[in-house]
Amino acid sequence: MKNLTITVEDSVLEWARVEAARRGTSVSRMVGDFMAELQQREDAYERAYLAWRTDERSWQGGATPQGGAAAARKIGGRRKTGQEGA
């Protein structure tokens, strides 16, 4: 493990000390946990974005999964039947 020195306002440090005591941990552990959680969120976002970009590229080229017109008729998860509002 590596050490990290940060600079924060006095009021932020006081809040962090109180919050760490309330949680039964240290300010150092709380900051480390926060950074690890942030890293996991960013990694998950990046993986989801790359999966989306890969999927988007697979749809290019003119082929549609339901054959053009059928896909165009689909509205909001339901097929348009022409009898709406009747």
Protein backbone atom coordinates (compact mmCIF):
# COMPACT_ATOMS: atom_id res chain seq x y z
CA MET A 1 0.00 0.00 0.00
CA LYS A 2 1.11 3.56 -0.72
CA ASN A 3 0.60 6.70 1.32
CA LEU A 4 -1.24 9.72 -0.06
CA THR A 5 -1.16 13.30 1.16
CA ILE A 6 -4.16 15.48 0.39
CA THR A 7 -5.13 19.06 1.14
CA VAL A 8 -8.68 19.84 2.26
CA GLU A 9 -10.49 22.67 3.99
CA ASP A 10 -10.56 22.50 7.78
CA SER A 11 -14.33 22.05 7.78
CA VAL A 12 -14.08 19.12 5.36
CA LEU A 13 -11.47 17.42 7.53
CA GLU A 14 -13.59 17.91 10.64
CA TRP A 15 -16.60 16.41 8.87
CA ALA A 16 -14.47 13.48 7.65
CA ARG A 17 -13.20 12.78 11.17
CA VAL A 18 -16.71 12.79 12.60
CA GLU A 19 -18.05 10.66 9.75
CA ALA A 20 -15.19 8.16 10.05
CA ALA A 21 -15.81 7.86 13.81
CA ARG A 22 -19.51 7.37 13.18
CA ARG A 23 -18.68 4.56 10.72
CA GLY A 24 -16.10 3.03 13.03
CA THR A 25 -13.21 3.52 10.60
CA SER A 26 -10.41 5.98 9.90
CA VAL A 27 -10.37 8.95 7.55
CA SER A 28 -7.61 7.21 5.60
CA ARG A 29 -9.68 4.03 5.18
CA MET A 30 -12.77 6.04 4.26
CA VAL A 31 -10.88 7.96 1.55
CA GLY A 32 -9.31 4.73 0.25
CA ASP A 33 -12.71 2.99 0.11
CA PHE A 34 -14.19 6.00 -1.69
CA MET A 35 -11.45 5.95 -4.30
CA ALA A 36 -11.78 2.17 -4.81
CA GLU A 37 -15.56 2.52 -5.26
CA LEU A 38 -15.06 5.34 -7.75
CA GLN A 39 -12.58 3.21 -9.69
CA GLN A 40 -15.05 0.30 -9.84
CA ARG A 41 -17.84 2.58 -11.09
CA GLU A 42 -15.62 4.09 -13.77
CA ASP A 43 -14.42 0.64 -14.88
CA ALA A 44 -18.00 -0.65 -15.06
CA TYR A 45 -19.06 2.40 -17.06
CA GLU A 46 -16.16 1.95 -19.48
CA ARG A 47 -16.99 -1.75 -19.98
CA ALA A 48 -20.67 -0.94 -20.61
CA TYR A 49 -19.76 1.84 -23.04
CA LEU A 50 -17.39 -0.41 -24.99
CA ALA A 51 -20.01 -3.17 -25.12
CA TRP A 52 -22.56 -0.66 -26.43
CA ARG A 53 -20.13 0.65 -29.06
CA THR A 54 -19.34 -2.89 -30.19
CA ASP A 55 -23.05 -3.74 -30.42
CA GLU A 56 -23.76 -0.50 -32.32
CA ARG A 57 -21.13 -1.34 -34.93
CA SER A 58 -22.57 -4.83 -35.44
CA TRP A 59 -25.88 -3.28 -36.56
CA GLN A 60 -24.29 -1.16 -39.28
CA GLY A 61 -24.31 -2.52 -42.80
CA GLY A 62 -27.99 -2.39 -43.71
CA ALA A 63 -29.15 -5.65 -42.15
CA THR A 64 -31.95 -5.36 -39.61
CA PRO A 65 -32.81 -8.12 -37.17
CA GLN A 66 -36.54 -8.17 -38.07
CA GLY A 67 -36.34 -7.36 -41.74
CA GLY A 68 -36.65 -3.62 -42.33
CA ALA A 69 -40.36 -2.80 -42.46
CA ALA A 70 -41.24 -5.02 -39.49
CA ALA A 71 -38.66 -3.22 -37.37
CA ALA A 72 -39.94 0.17 -38.53
CA ARG A 73 -43.50 -0.74 -37.41
CA LYS A 74 -42.37 -1.49 -33.89
CA ILE A 75 -43.22 1.40 -31.56
CA GLY A 76 -42.41 1.55 -27.85
CA GLY A 77 -41.90 -2.19 -27.51
CA ARG A 78 -45.27 -3.03 -29.17
CA ARG A 79 -46.05 -3.55 -32.81
CA LYS A 80 -48.24 -0.96 -34.46
CA THR A 81 -51.32 -2.78 -35.73
CA GLY A 82 -53.28 0.09 -37.24
CA GLN A 83 -56.08 -0.44 -34.71
CA GLU A 84 -54.80 1.91 -32.02
CA GLY A 85 -57.45 4.25 -30.73
CA ALA A 86 -60.30 2.17 -32.24
